[in-house]
Amino acid sequence: MGDLYMKTYLNGIKLMPEKIWMPNYWINIEQPDKIDIDYLLNELNVPESFLKDIEDPEERPRIEYEDEWQMIILRIPTKGHDTGYAYATVPLGIFLKNDLIISVCFYENEMIGDFIRYNQRKEIGFNNPYDLVLQLIFSAAVWYMKYLKQLNIIIKESEKELEKSIKNRELQALLQIEKCFVFFITSLKGNTILLHRIKHDKRSSKYIDPDQVEDVEIEMRQALETSNIYSDILAGMMDAYASVIGNNMGDIMKQLTSISLILMIPTLIASLYGMNVPNSLQDSPYGFPIILIASITLSTFGVWLFRKRRWF
């Protein structure tokens, strides 16, 4: 993601200089530094509590009001980066006041830059702040679907490794992916509740287009259903492969036990005839060959018997 989209001023689809003010003025700030925070707090007078809320990576989707400001928080998908997971979700804060629209995300993501580029290429603007909010929610659902497809590819690659593995490493990788699905499902449910509130909120209901809301609902429902399906398939596959790995380990232990029993035969014979007590072969020049042949014969018989019984 280029630096162009770290701090962007737009009017509709047009990039704007910072000082020019027009209706539907959208300021987008990603990974804000101290200068950006001072600008938001001191020049734009964004409530400090709003910024603290969206800085929390676990913040849930919701709508809040403070003085003339309205804050809408939705959760967007992103690559895991330092979280230890392939993908995760982070909060995106949208602050509305009259014709001013400010979006702030404290975390690196691909969605917003792509959203701006796509709207400029297709010349798609927005008529009011809630039109933009719905477009962002729709874009988030689209990115959930993109990442879900990539997660599905990772699952198929891990499945191939599991077919020839008896270790837990591949299962642990799938467990990390399962947690990604949990993140996605939880966030999508939160975004669905958020959309319902926007749809019925007195401040926004008169500005939104019912057809647009329906399109967003369909896309989010598809993303949520896909997440649930992939999660269920993965859970069943992990249970199946856990059983397979357990069976493989059981077979290996059975083989090792059979080998140990076979090796015990010559050891037992040697131990009996090695005792310091009289026996029939103590003075025979053929004692050692007889013991050796008996050990080999009985061990060979043991191998044949175990193979016949399919013990190894």
C-alpha atoms as a PDB file:
ATOM      1  CA  MET A   1       0.000   0.000   0.000  1.00  0.00           C
ATOM      2  CA  GLY A   2       1.510   3.309  -1.074  1.00  0.00           C
ATOM      3  CA  ASP A   3       1.972   6.338   1.140  1.00  0.00           C
ATOM      4  CA  LEU A   4      -0.696   8.135  -0.914  1.00  0.00           C
ATOM      5  CA  TYR A   5      -3.430   6.368   1.044  1.00  0.00           C
ATOM      6  CA  MET A   6      -1.941   6.772   4.509  1.00  0.00           C
ATOM      7  CA  LYS A   7      -3.448  10.263   4.724  1.00  0.00           C
ATOM      8  CA  THR A   8      -5.911  11.173   1.987  1.00  0.00           C
ATOM      9  CA  TYR A   9      -8.304  14.031   1.407  1.00  0.00           C
ATOM     10  CA  LEU A  10     -11.150  13.334  -0.972  1.00  0.00           C
ATOM     11  CA  ASN A  11     -14.315  14.932  -2.176  1.00  0.00           C
ATOM     12  CA  GLY A  12     -16.371  12.201  -3.704  1.00  0.00           C
ATOM     13  CA  ILE A  13     -13.796  10.430  -5.866  1.00  0.00           C
ATOM     14  CA  LYS A  14     -11.471  13.400  -6.352  1.00  0.00           C
ATOM     15  CA  LEU A  15      -8.256  13.723  -4.394  1.00  0.00           C
ATOM     16  CA  MET A  16      -8.254  17.154  -2.749  1.00  0.00           C
ATOM     17  CA  PRO A  17      -5.588  19.418  -1.250  1.00  0.00           C
ATOM     18  CA  GLU A  18      -5.720  19.530   2.538  1.00  0.00           C
ATOM     19  CA  LYS A  19      -6.904  23.139   2.860  1.00  0.00           C
ATOM     20  CA  ILE A  20      -9.764  23.077   0.327  1.00  0.00           C
ATOM     21  CA  TRP A  21     -13.094  22.505   2.023  1.00  0.00           C
ATOM     22  CA  MET A  22     -16.173  21.211   0.228  1.00  0.00           C
ATOM     23  CA  PRO A  23     -19.319  19.269   1.149  1.00  0.00           C
ATOM     24  CA  ASN A  24     -18.861  15.528   1.681  1.00  0.00           C
ATOM     25  CA  TYR A  25     -15.203  16.102   2.498  1.00  0.00           C
ATOM     26  CA  TRP A  26     -13.604  12.768   3.370  1.00  0.00           C
ATOM     27  CA  ILE A  27     -10.364  12.570   5.314  1.00  0.00           C
ATOM     28  CA  ASN A  28      -8.831   9.095   5.493  1.00  0.00           C
ATOM     29  CA  ILE A  29      -5.928   8.442   7.891  1.00  0.00           C
ATOM     30  CA  GLU A  30      -4.245   5.075   8.335  1.00  0.00           C
ATOM     31  CA  GLN A  31      -1.663   4.121  10.969  1.00  0.00           C
ATOM     32  CA  PRO A  32      -1.703   7.662  12.383  1.00  0.00           C
ATOM     33  CA  ASP A  33       1.440   9.034  13.996  1.00  0.00           C
ATOM     34  CA  LYS A  34       1.651  11.723  16.689  1.00  0.00           C
ATOM     35  CA  ILE A  35       1.254  14.521  14.127  1.00  0.00           C
ATOM     36  CA  ASP A  36      -1.906  12.922  12.754  1.00  0.00           C
ATOM     37  CA  ILE A  37      -3.328  12.461  16.260  1.00  0.00           C
ATOM     38  CA  ASP A  38      -2.663  16.120  17.116  1.00  0.00           C
ATOM     39  CA  TYR A  39      -4.310  17.144  13.846  1.00  0.00           C
ATOM     40  CA  LEU A  40      -7.410  15.084  14.626  1.00  0.00           C
ATOM     41  CA  LEU A  41      -7.695  16.256  18.231  1.00  0.00           C
ATOM     42  CA  ASN A  42      -6.708  19.905  17.983  1.00  0.00           C
ATOM     43  CA  GLU A  43      -7.667  21.000  14.470  1.00  0.00           C
ATOM     44  CA  LEU A  44     -10.658  18.800  13.726  1.00  0.00           C
ATOM     45  CA  ASN A  45     -11.726  18.453  17.391  1.00  0.00           C
ATOM     46  CA  VAL A  46     -12.408  14.741  17.162  1.00  0.00           C
ATOM     47  CA  PRO A  47     -13.260  13.434  20.657  1.00  0.00           C
ATOM     48  CA  GLU A  48     -10.245  11.748  22.211  1.00  0.00           C
ATOM     49  CA  SER A  49     -12.412   8.893  23.471  1.00  0.00           C
ATOM     50  CA  PHE A  50     -13.237   7.984  19.870  1.00  0.00           C
ATOM     51  CA  LEU A  51      -9.575   7.580  18.978  1.00  0.00           C
ATOM     52  CA  LYS A  52      -8.874   5.511  22.083  1.00  0.00           C
ATOM     53  CA  ASP A  53     -11.769   3.212  21.221  1.00  0.00           C
ATOM     54  CA  ILE A  54     -10.622   2.382  17.693  1.00  0.00           C
ATOM     55  CA  GLU A  55      -7.008   1.977  18.845  1.00  0.00           C
ATOM     56  CA  ASP A  56      -8.132  -1.125  20.727  1.00  0.00           C
ATOM     57  CA  PRO A  57      -7.716  -4.075  18.303  1.00  0.00           C
ATOM     58  CA  GLU A  58     -10.602  -5.922  19.995  1.00  0.00           C
ATOM     59  CA  GLU A  59     -13.128  -3.075  19.724  1.00  0.00           C
ATOM     60  CA  ARG A  60     -16.536  -4.323  18.590  1.00  0.00           C
ATOM     61  CA  PRO A  61     -18.690  -2.784  15.813  1.00  0.00           C
ATOM     62  CA  ARG A  62     -21.101  -0.166  17.123  1.00  0.00           C
ATOM     63  CA  ILE A  63     -22.421   3.403  16.853  1.00  0.00           C
ATOM     64  CA  GLU A  64     -21.725   6.097  19.445  1.00  0.00           C
ATOM     65  CA  TYR A  65     -22.501   9.796  19.790  1.00  0.00           C
ATOM     66  CA  GLU A  66     -20.642  12.594  21.544  1.00  0.00           C
ATOM     67  CA  ASP A  67     -21.723  16.228  21.162  1.00  0.00           C
ATOM     68  CA  GLU A  68     -22.195  16.762  17.407  1.00  0.00           C
ATOM     69  CA  TRP A  69     -19.985  13.820  16.477  1.00  0.00           C
ATOM     70  CA  GLN A  70     -21.121  10.355  15.487  1.00  0.00           C
ATOM     71  CA  MET A  71     -18.726   7.410  15.522  1.00  0.00           C
ATOM     72  CA  ILE A  72     -19.321   4.237  13.524  1.00  0.00           C
ATOM     73  CA  ILE A  73     -16.954   1.333  14.148  1.00  0.00           C
ATOM     74  CA  LEU A  74     -16.849  -1.605  11.777  1.00  0.00           C
ATOM     75  CA  ARG A  75     -14.364  -4.451  11.654  1.00  0.00           C
ATOM     76  CA  ILE A  76     -12.398  -5.001   8.475  1.00  0.00           C
ATOM     77  CA  PRO A  77     -10.214  -7.984   7.496  1.00  0.00           C
ATOM     78  CA  THR A  78      -6.462  -7.702   7.235  1.00  0.00           C
ATOM     79  CA  LYS A  79      -3.416  -9.905   7.008  1.00  0.00           C
ATOM     80  CA  GLY A  80      -2.251 -11.095  10.403  1.00  0.00           C
ATOM     81  CA  HIS A  81       1.179  -9.394  10.357  1.00  0.00           C
ATOM     82  CA  ASP A  82       2.395  -9.562  13.984  1.00  0.00           C
ATOM     83  CA  THR A  83      -0.648 -11.378  15.401  1.00  0.00           C
ATOM     84  CA  GLY A  84       0.685 -14.855  14.661  1.00  0.00           C
ATOM     85  CA  TYR A  85      -2.293 -15.653  12.415  1.00  0.00           C
ATOM     86  CA  ALA A  86      -2.567 -15.625   8.635  1.00  0.00           C
ATOM     87  CA  TYR A  87      -5.486 -13.177   8.786  1.00  0.00           C
ATOM     88  CA  ALA A  88      -7.219 -11.141  11.454  1.00  0.00           C
ATOM     89  CA  THR A  89      -9.758  -8.331  11.795  1.00  0.00           C
ATOM     90  CA  VAL A  90      -9.215  -4.772  13.014  1.00  0.00           C
ATOM     91  CA  PRO A  91     -11.517  -1.840  13.814  1.00  0.00           C
ATOM     92  CA  LEU A  92     -12.095   0.977  11.338  1.00  0.00           C
ATOM     93  CA  GLY A  93     -13.518   4.144  12.866  1.00  0.00           C
ATOM     94  CA  ILE A  94     -15.692   6.520  10.834  1.00  0.00           C
ATOM     95  CA  PHE A  95     -16.357   9.899  12.459  1.00  0.00           C
ATOM     96  CA  LEU A  96     -19.199  12.017  11.084  1.00  0.00           C
ATOM     97  CA  LYS A  97     -20.002  15.653  11.761  1.00  0.00           C
ATOM     98  CA  ASN A  98     -22.233  17.578   9.354  1.00  0.00           C
ATOM     99  CA  ASP A  99     -20.534  17.221   5.927  1.00  0.00           C
ATOM    100  CA  LEU A 100     -17.201  16.134   7.373  1.00  0.00           C
ATOM    101  CA  ILE A 101     -16.264  12.453   7.150  1.00  0.00           C
ATOM    102  CA  ILE A 102     -13.140  11.093   8.831  1.00  0.00           C
ATOM    103  CA  SER A 103     -12.026   7.480   8.657  1.00  0.00           C
ATOM    104  CA  VAL A 104      -9.196   6.299  10.899  1.00  0.00           C
ATOM    105  CA  CYS A 105      -7.564   2.895  11.137  1.00  0.00           C
ATOM    106  CA  PHE A 106      -4.579   2.317  13.418  1.00  0.00           C
ATOM    107  CA  TYR A 107      -3.578  -0.884  11.612  1.00  0.00           C
ATOM    108  CA  GLU A 108      -2.135  -1.718   8.217  1.00  0.00           C
ATOM    109  CA  ASN A 109      -4.694  -3.038   5.765  1.00  0.00           C
ATOM    110  CA  GLU A 110      -5.226  -3.482   2.035  1.00  0.00           C
ATOM    111  CA  MET A 111      -8.916  -2.688   1.932  1.00  0.00           C
ATOM    112  CA  ILE A 112      -9.055   1.110   2.149  1.00  0.00           C
ATOM    113  CA  GLY A 113      -6.365   1.833  -0.448  1.00  0.00           C
ATOM    114  CA  ASP A 114      -7.996  -0.616  -2.822  1.00  0.00           C
ATOM    115  CA  PHE A 115     -11.405   0.932  -2.117  1.00  0.00           C
ATOM    116  CA  ILE A 116     -10.139   4.422  -3.039  1.00  0.00           C
ATOM    117  CA  ARG A 117      -8.393   3.219  -6.196  1.00  0.00           C
ATOM    118  CA  TYR A 118     -11.423   1.215  -7.318  1.00  0.00           C
ATOM    119  CA  ASN A 119     -13.866   4.098  -6.801  1.00  0.00           C
ATOM    120  CA  GLN A 120     -11.588   6.499  -8.658  1.00  0.00           C
ATOM    121  CA  ARG A 121     -11.122   4.056 -11.554  1.00  0.00           C
ATOM    122  CA  LYS A 122     -14.873   3.398 -11.802  1.00  0.00           C
ATOM    123  CA  GLU A 123     -15.723   7.034 -10.980  1.00  0.00           C
ATOM    124  CA  ILE A 124     -17.958   5.994  -8.111  1.00  0.00           C
ATOM    125  CA  GLY A 125     -18.625   8.793  -5.645  1.00  0.00           C
ATOM    126  CA  PHE A 126     -20.960   9.079  -2.674  1.00  0.00           C
ATOM    127  CA  ASN A 127     -23.974  11.299  -2.107  1.00  0.00           C
ATOM    128  CA  ASN A 128     -23.832  11.561   1.681  1.00  0.00           C
ATOM    129  CA  PRO A 129     -21.784  10.209   4.617  1.00  0.00           C
ATOM    130  CA  TYR A 130     -23.980   7.133   5.062  1.00  0.00           C
ATOM    131  CA  ASP A 131     -23.628   6.292   1.392  1.00  0.00           C
ATOM    132  CA  LEU A 132     -19.873   6.130   1.967  1.00  0.00           C
ATOM    133  CA  VAL A 133     -20.326   4.083   5.153  1.00  0.00           C
ATOM    134  CA  LEU A 134     -22.406   1.497   3.283  1.00  0.00           C
ATOM    135  CA  GLN A 135     -19.811   1.341   0.519  1.00  0.00           C
ATOM    136  CA  LEU A 136     -17.085   0.686   3.084  1.00  0.00           C
ATOM    137  CA  ILE A 137     -19.135  -2.066   4.736  1.00  0.00           C
ATOM    138  CA  PHE A 138     -19.729  -3.617   1.312  1.00  0.00           C
ATOM    139  CA  SER A 139     -16.015  -3.398   0.491  1.00  0.00           C
ATOM    140  CA  ALA A 140     -15.169  -5.053   3.822  1.00  0.00           C
ATOM    141  CA  ALA A 141     -17.495  -7.961   2.966  1.00  0.00           C
ATOM    142  CA  VAL A 142     -15.802  -8.317  -0.433  1.00  0.00           C
ATOM    143  CA  TRP A 143     -12.380  -8.467   1.235  1.00  0.00           C
ATOM    144  CA  TYR A 144     -13.638 -11.063   3.694  1.00  0.00           C
ATOM    145  CA  MET A 145     -14.539 -13.204   0.676  1.00  0.00           C
ATOM    146  CA  LYS A 146     -11.111 -12.646  -0.892  1.00  0.00           C
ATOM    147  CA  TYR A 147      -9.298 -13.721   2.260  1.00  0.00           C
ATOM    148  CA  LEU A 148     -11.645 -16.681   2.734  1.00  0.00           C
ATOM    149  CA  LYS A 149     -10.650 -17.983  -0.703  1.00  0.00           C
ATOM    150  CA  GLN A 150      -6.978 -17.629   0.228  1.00  0.00           C
ATOM    151  CA  LEU A 151      -7.573 -19.456   3.496  1.00  0.00           C
ATOM    152  CA  ASN A 152      -9.270 -22.244   1.570  1.00  0.00           C
ATOM    153  CA  ILE A 153      -6.149 -22.602  -0.604  1.00  0.00           C
ATOM    154  CA  ILE A 154      -3.987 -22.851   2.539  1.00  0.00           C
ATOM    155  CA  ILE A 155      -6.321 -25.558   3.892  1.00  0.00           C
ATOM    156  CA  LYS A 156      -5.968 -27.628   0.706  1.00  0.00           C
ATOM    157  CA  GLU A 157      -2.168 -27.367   0.854  1.00  0.00           C
ATOM    158  CA  SER A 158      -2.166 -28.417   4.510  1.00  0.00           C
ATOM    159  CA  GLU A 159      -4.509 -31.295   3.659  1.00  0.00           C
ATOM    160  CA  LYS A 160      -1.932 -32.693   1.225  1.00  0.00           C
ATOM    161  CA  GLU A 161       0.716 -32.565   3.942  1.00  0.00           C
ATOM    162  CA  LEU A 162      -1.579 -34.275   6.432  1.00  0.00           C
ATOM    163  CA  GLU A 163      -2.110 -37.253   4.135  1.00  0.00           C
ATOM    164  CA  LYS A 164       1.523 -38.310   4.634  1.00  0.00           C
ATOM    165  CA  SER A 165       2.153 -36.981   8.130  1.00  0.00           C
ATOM    166  CA  ILE A 166       2.035 -38.441  11.610  1.00  0.00           C
ATOM    167  CA  LYS A 167       3.040 -35.204  13.325  1.00  0.00           C
ATOM    168  CA  ASN A 168       0.940 -32.501  14.966  1.00  0.00           C
ATOM    169  CA  ARG A 169       2.595 -29.604  13.102  1.00  0.00           C
ATOM    170  CA  GLU A 170       0.090 -29.626  10.242  1.00  0.00           C
ATOM    171  CA  LEU A 171      -2.843 -29.897  12.666  1.00  0.00           C
ATOM    172  CA  GLN A 172      -1.508 -26.913  14.585  1.00  0.00           C
ATOM    173  CA  ALA A 173      -1.365 -24.924  11.328  1.00  0.00           C
ATOM    174  CA  LEU A 174      -4.998 -25.802  10.672  1.00  0.00           C
ATOM    175  CA  LEU A 175      -5.851 -24.769  14.213  1.00  0.00           C
ATOM    176  CA  GLN A 176      -4.452 -21.298  13.472  1.00  0.00           C
ATOM    177  CA  ILE A 177      -6.662 -21.125  10.372  1.00  0.00           C
ATOM    178  CA  GLU A 178      -9.674 -22.199  12.447  1.00  0.00           C
ATOM    179  CA  LYS A 179      -9.029 -19.219  14.733  1.00  0.00           C
ATOM    180  CA  CYS A 180      -8.999 -16.955  11.658  1.00  0.00           C
ATOM    181  CA  PHE A 181     -12.479 -18.241  10.829  1.00  0.00           C
ATOM    182  CA  VAL A 182     -13.587 -17.450  14.378  1.00  0.00           C
ATOM    183  CA  PHE A 183     -12.305 -13.880  13.959  1.00  0.00           C
ATOM    184  CA  PHE A 184     -14.117 -13.531  10.637  1.00  0.00           C
ATOM    185  CA  ILE A 185     -17.414 -14.983  11.853  1.00  0.00           C
ATOM    186  CA  THR A 186     -17.446 -12.831  15.001  1.00  0.00           C
ATOM    187  CA  SER A 187     -16.607  -9.658  13.072  1.00  0.00           C
ATOM    188  CA  LEU A 188     -19.132 -10.343  10.313  1.00  0.00           C
ATOM    189  CA  LYS A 189     -21.869 -10.889  12.888  1.00  0.00           C
ATOM    190  CA  GLY A 190     -20.908  -7.608  14.532  1.00  0.00           C
ATOM    191  CA  ASN A 191     -20.964  -5.797  11.181  1.00  0.00           C
ATOM    192  CA  THR A 192     -24.387  -7.285  10.456  1.00  0.00           C
ATOM    193  CA  ILE A 193     -25.753  -5.895  13.722  1.00  0.00           C
ATOM    194  CA  LEU A 194     -24.098  -2.561  12.912  1.00  0.00           C
ATOM    195  CA  LEU A 195     -25.767  -2.458   9.487  1.00  0.00           C
ATOM    196  CA  HIS A 196     -29.131  -3.177  11.106  1.00  0.00           C
ATOM    197  CA  ARG A 197     -28.633  -0.234  13.468  1.00  0.00           C
ATOM    198  CA  ILE A 198     -27.660   2.098  10.621  1.00  0.00           C
ATOM    199  CA  LYS A 199     -30.684   0.943   8.671  1.00  0.00           C
ATOM    200  CA  HIS A 200     -33.062   1.831  11.511  1.00  0.00           C
ATOM    201  CA  ASP A 201     -31.238   4.786  13.055  1.00  0.00           C
ATOM    202  CA  LYS A 202     -33.211   8.031  12.884  1.00  0.00           C
ATOM    203  CA  ARG A 203     -30.189  10.058  11.773  1.00  0.00           C
ATOM    204  CA  SER A 204     -29.231   7.778   8.912  1.00  0.00           C
ATOM    205  CA  SER A 205     -32.401   6.006   7.770  1.00  0.00           C
ATOM    206  CA  LYS A 206     -33.611   8.961   5.685  1.00  0.00           C
ATOM    207  CA  TYR A 207     -30.314   9.150   3.771  1.00  0.00           C
ATOM    208  CA  ILE A 208     -29.727   5.527   2.862  1.00  0.00           C
ATOM    209  CA  ASP A 209     -30.848   3.747  -0.283  1.00  0.00           C
ATOM    210  CA  PRO A 210     -32.825   0.551   0.497  1.00  0.00           C
ATOM    211  CA  ASP A 211     -31.428  -1.157  -2.616  1.00  0.00           C
ATOM    212  CA  GLN A 212     -27.882  -0.368  -1.525  1.00  0.00           C
ATOM    213  CA  VAL A 213     -28.582  -1.722   1.947  1.00  0.00           C
ATOM    214  CA  GLU A 214     -29.970  -4.903   0.413  1.00  0.00           C
ATOM    215  CA  ASP A 215     -26.814  -5.362  -1.689  1.00  0.00           C
ATOM    216  CA  VAL A 216     -24.637  -4.930   1.414  1.00  0.00           C
ATOM    217  CA  GLU A 217     -26.776  -7.404   3.370  1.00  0.00           C
ATOM    218  CA  ILE A 218     -26.490  -9.994   0.597  1.00  0.00           C
ATOM    219  CA  GLU A 219     -22.708  -9.646   0.385  1.00  0.00           C
ATOM    220  CA  MET A 220     -22.259  -9.856   4.153  1.00  0.00           C
ATOM    221  CA  ARG A 221     -24.618 -12.821   4.402  1.00  0.00           C
ATOM    222  CA  GLN A 222     -22.618 -14.605   1.716  1.00  0.00           C
ATOM    223  CA  ALA A 223     -19.334 -13.875   3.526  1.00  0.00           C
ATOM    224  CA  LEU A 224     -20.775 -15.074   6.841  1.00  0.00           C
ATOM    225  CA  GLU A 225     -22.242 -18.254   5.356  1.00  0.00           C
ATOM    226  CA  THR A 226     -18.981 -18.999   3.545  1.00  0.00           C
ATOM    227  CA  SER A 227     -17.030 -18.511   6.783  1.00  0.00           C
ATOM    228  CA  ASN A 228     -19.358 -20.894   8.621  1.00  0.00           C
ATOM    229  CA  ILE A 229     -19.146 -23.520   5.858  1.00  0.00           C
ATOM    230  CA  TYR A 230     -15.347 -23.386   5.690  1.00  0.00           C
ATOM    231  CA  SER A 231     -15.134 -23.472   9.478  1.00  0.00           C
ATOM    232  CA  ASP A 232     -17.397 -26.541   9.694  1.00  0.00           C
ATOM    233  CA  ILE A 233     -15.474 -28.331   6.933  1.00  0.00           C
ATOM    234  CA  LEU A 234     -12.165 -27.532   8.617  1.00  0.00           C
ATOM    235  CA  ALA A 235     -13.393 -28.724  12.013  1.00  0.00           C
ATOM    236  CA  GLY A 236     -14.577 -32.032  10.529  1.00  0.00           C
ATOM    237  CA  MET A 237     -11.346 -32.454   8.591  1.00  0.00           C
ATOM    238  CA  MET A 238      -9.241 -31.778  11.696  1.00  0.00           C
ATOM    239  CA  ASP A 239     -11.201 -34.387  13.671  1.00  0.00           C
ATOM    240  CA  ALA A 240     -10.778 -36.912  10.868  1.00  0.00           C
ATOM    241  CA  TYR A 241      -7.067 -36.325  10.488  1.00  0.00           C
ATOM    242  CA  ALA A 242      -6.540 -36.332  14.235  1.00  0.00           C
ATOM    243  CA  SER A 243      -8.043 -39.830  14.219  1.00  0.00           C
ATOM    244  CA  VAL A 244      -5.850 -40.801  11.240  1.00  0.00           C
ATOM    245  CA  ILE A 245      -2.721 -39.553  12.999  1.00  0.00           C
ATOM    246  CA  GLY A 246      -3.783 -41.452  16.132  1.00  0.00           C
ATOM    247  CA  ASN A 247      -4.307 -44.620  14.091  1.00  0.00           C
ATOM    248  CA  ASN A 248      -0.937 -44.182  12.374  1.00  0.00           C
ATOM    249  CA  MET A 249       0.756 -43.817  15.736  1.00  0.00           C
ATOM    250  CA  GLY A 250      -1.110 -46.893  16.983  1.00  0.00           C
ATOM    251  CA  ASP A 251       0.131 -48.904  13.990  1.00  0.00           C
ATOM    252  CA  ILE A 252       3.698 -47.768  14.612  1.00  0.00           C
ATOM    253  CA  MET A 253       3.482 -48.709  18.279  1.00  0.00           C
ATOM    254  CA  LYS A 254       2.032 -52.105  17.322  1.00  0.00           C
ATOM    255  CA  GLN A 255       4.929 -52.723  14.939  1.00  0.00           C
ATOM    256  CA  LEU A 256       7.486 -51.679  17.538  1.00  0.00           C
ATOM    257  CA  THR A 257       5.852 -53.968  20.108  1.00  0.00           C
ATOM    258  CA  SER A 258       5.907 -56.897  17.668  1.00  0.00           C
ATOM    259  CA  ILE A 259       9.592 -56.305  16.897  1.00  0.00           C
ATOM    260  CA  SER A 260      10.354 -56.163  20.626  1.00  0.00           C
ATOM    261  CA  LEU A 261       8.572 -59.490  21.172  1.00  0.00           C
ATOM    262  CA  ILE A 262      10.509 -61.134  18.333  1.00  0.00           C
ATOM    263  CA  LEU A 263      13.808 -59.838  19.709  1.00  0.00           C
ATOM    264  CA  MET A 264      12.876 -61.248  23.099  1.00  0.00           C
ATOM    265  CA  ILE A 265      12.937 -64.848  21.727  1.00  0.00           C
ATOM    266  CA  PRO A 266      16.719 -65.138  21.164  1.00  0.00           C
ATOM    267  CA  THR A 267      17.307 -63.114  24.294  1.00  0.00           C
ATOM    268  CA  LEU A 268      15.184 -65.550  26.315  1.00  0.00           C
ATOM    269  CA  ILE A 269      16.926 -68.633  24.860  1.00  0.00           C
ATOM    270  CA  ALA A 270      20.364 -67.159  25.422  1.00  0.00           C
ATOM    271  CA  SER A 271      19.405 -66.227  28.957  1.00  0.00           C
ATOM    272  CA  LEU A 272      18.161 -69.739  29.792  1.00  0.00           C
ATOM    273  CA  TYR A 273      21.251 -71.486  28.459  1.00  0.00           C
ATOM    274  CA  GLY A 274      23.541 -68.841  29.861  1.00  0.00           C
ATOM    275  CA  MET A 275      22.484 -69.576  33.425  1.00  0.00           C
ATOM    276  CA  ASN A 276      25.129 -71.112  35.692  1.00  0.00           C
ATOM    277  CA  VAL A 277      23.244 -74.424  36.104  1.00  0.00           C
ATOM    278  CA  PRO A 278      23.744 -77.828  34.454  1.00  0.00           C
ATOM    279  CA  ASN A 279      21.900 -78.415  31.139  1.00  0.00           C
ATOM    280  CA  SER A 280      22.028 -80.993  28.392  1.00  0.00           C
ATOM    281  CA  LEU A 281      24.187 -78.877  26.067  1.00  0.00           C
ATOM    282  CA  GLN A 282      26.807 -77.736  28.501  1.00  0.00           C
ATOM    283  CA  ASP A 283      29.405 -80.270  27.302  1.00  0.00           C
ATOM    284  CA  SER A 284      28.240 -80.593  23.691  1.00  0.00           C
ATOM    285  CA  PRO A 285      30.506 -79.093  20.956  1.00  0.00           C
ATOM    286  CA  TYR A 286      27.298 -78.331  19.032  1.00  0.00           C
ATOM    287  CA  GLY A 287      25.631 -76.391  21.858  1.00  0.00           C
ATOM    288  CA  PHE A 288      26.184 -72.909  20.472  1.00  0.00           C
ATOM    289  CA  PRO A 289      25.087 -73.748  16.868  1.00  0.00           C
ATOM    290  CA  ILE A 290      21.996 -75.480  18.215  1.00  0.00           C
ATOM    291  CA  ILE A 291      21.061 -72.453  20.337  1.00  0.00           C
ATOM    292  CA  LEU A 292      21.744 -70.091  17.395  1.00  0.00           C
ATOM    293  CA  ILE A 293      19.641 -72.160  14.970  1.00  0.00           C
ATOM    294  CA  ALA A 294      16.829 -72.458  17.527  1.00  0.00           C
ATOM    295  CA  SER A 295      16.831 -68.699  18.075  1.00  0.00           C
ATOM    296  CA  ILE A 296      16.737 -67.944  14.348  1.00  0.00           C
ATOM    297  CA  THR A 297      14.030 -70.565  13.730  1.00  0.00           C
ATOM    298  CA  LEU A 298      11.763 -69.351  16.524  1.00  0.00           C
ATOM    299  CA  SER A 299      12.295 -65.677  15.538  1.00  0.00           C
ATOM    300  CA  THR A 300      11.452 -66.484  11.924  1.00  0.00           C
ATOM    301  CA  PHE A 301       8.346 -68.341  13.050  1.00  0.00           C
ATOM    302  CA  GLY A 302       7.393 -65.317  15.175  1.00  0.00           C
ATOM    303  CA  VAL A 303       7.778 -62.975  12.171  1.00  0.00           C
ATOM    304  CA  TRP A 304       5.622 -65.302  10.029  1.00  0.00           C
ATOM    305  CA  LEU A 305       2.970 -65.524  12.734  1.00  0.00           C
ATOM    306  CA  PHE A 306       2.815 -61.783  13.296  1.00  0.00           C
ATOM    307  CA  ARG A 307       2.568 -61.089   9.568  1.00  0.00           C
ATOM    308  CA  LYS A 308      -0.177 -63.675   9.202  1.00  0.00           C
ATOM    309  CA  ARG A 309      -2.073 -62.041  12.045  1.00  0.00           C
ATOM    310  CA  ARG A 310      -1.279 -58.624  10.473  1.00  0.00           C
ATOM    311  CA  TRP A 311       0.200 -57.369  13.688  1.00  0.00           C
ATOM    312  CA  PHE A 312       2.837 -55.546  11.647  1.00  0.00           C
END
